[in-house]
């Protein structure tokens, strides 16, 4: 899964490359694509 998040969110969460995360999806629409 790939997520687009802001630099502020990266800083707030203390994320670095390879940090394990859990994705929580709260939406009425989720789009998936292949290829």
C-alpha atoms as a PDB file:
ATOM      1  CA  UNK A   1       0.000   0.000   0.000  1.00  0.00           C
ATOM      2  CA  UNK A   2       1.221   3.513  -0.740  1.00  0.00           C
ATOM      3  CA  UNK A   3      -0.051   6.553   1.123  1.00  0.00           C
ATOM      4  CA  UNK A   4       0.328  10.234   0.318  1.00  0.00           C
ATOM      5  CA  UNK A   5       0.774  12.204   3.536  1.00  0.00           C
ATOM      6  CA  UNK A   6       2.120  15.624   4.369  1.00  0.00           C
ATOM      7  CA  UNK A   7       5.598  16.356   5.714  1.00  0.00           C
ATOM      8  CA  UNK A   8       3.923  17.640   8.880  1.00  0.00           C
ATOM      9  CA  UNK A   9       2.231  14.242   9.354  1.00  0.00           C
ATOM     10  CA  UNK A  10       5.573  12.466   8.851  1.00  0.00           C
ATOM     11  CA  UNK A  11       7.152  14.689  11.491  1.00  0.00           C
ATOM     12  CA  UNK A  12       4.207  14.377  13.910  1.00  0.00           C
ATOM     13  CA  UNK A  13       4.278  10.565  13.676  1.00  0.00           C
ATOM     14  CA  UNK A  14       8.072  10.349  13.802  1.00  0.00           C
ATOM     15  CA  UNK A  15       8.166   8.270  10.625  1.00  0.00           C
ATOM     16  CA  UNK A  16      11.328   7.180   8.853  1.00  0.00           C
ATOM     17  CA  UNK A  17      11.873   4.827   5.917  1.00  0.00           C
ATOM     18  CA  UNK A  18      10.943   1.322   7.011  1.00  0.00           C
ATOM     19  CA  UNK A  19       8.846   2.322  10.035  1.00  0.00           C
ATOM     20  CA  UNK A  20       6.013  -0.224  10.337  1.00  0.00           C
ATOM     21  CA  UNK A  21       2.558   1.375  10.415  1.00  0.00           C
ATOM     22  CA  UNK A  22      -1.082   0.313  10.468  1.00  0.00           C
ATOM     23  CA  UNK A  23      -3.441   1.906   7.946  1.00  0.00           C
ATOM     24  CA  UNK A  24      -6.891   2.882   9.204  1.00  0.00           C
ATOM     25  CA  UNK A  25      -9.276   3.756   6.373  1.00  0.00           C
ATOM     26  CA  UNK A  26     -12.279   5.939   7.195  1.00  0.00           C
ATOM     27  CA  UNK A  27     -13.942   6.750   3.931  1.00  0.00           C
ATOM     28  CA  UNK A  28     -17.030   6.026   1.890  1.00  0.00           C
ATOM     29  CA  UNK A  29     -14.876   5.436  -1.186  1.00  0.00           C
ATOM     30  CA  UNK A  30     -11.587   3.592  -1.609  1.00  0.00           C
ATOM     31  CA  UNK A  31     -10.094   3.376  -5.108  1.00  0.00           C
ATOM     32  CA  UNK A  32      -7.802   0.512  -6.109  1.00  0.00           C
ATOM     33  CA  UNK A  33      -5.766   0.240  -9.298  1.00  0.00           C
ATOM     34  CA  UNK A  34      -3.624  -2.502 -10.806  1.00  0.00           C
ATOM     35  CA  UNK A  35      -0.644  -2.281 -13.121  1.00  0.00           C
END
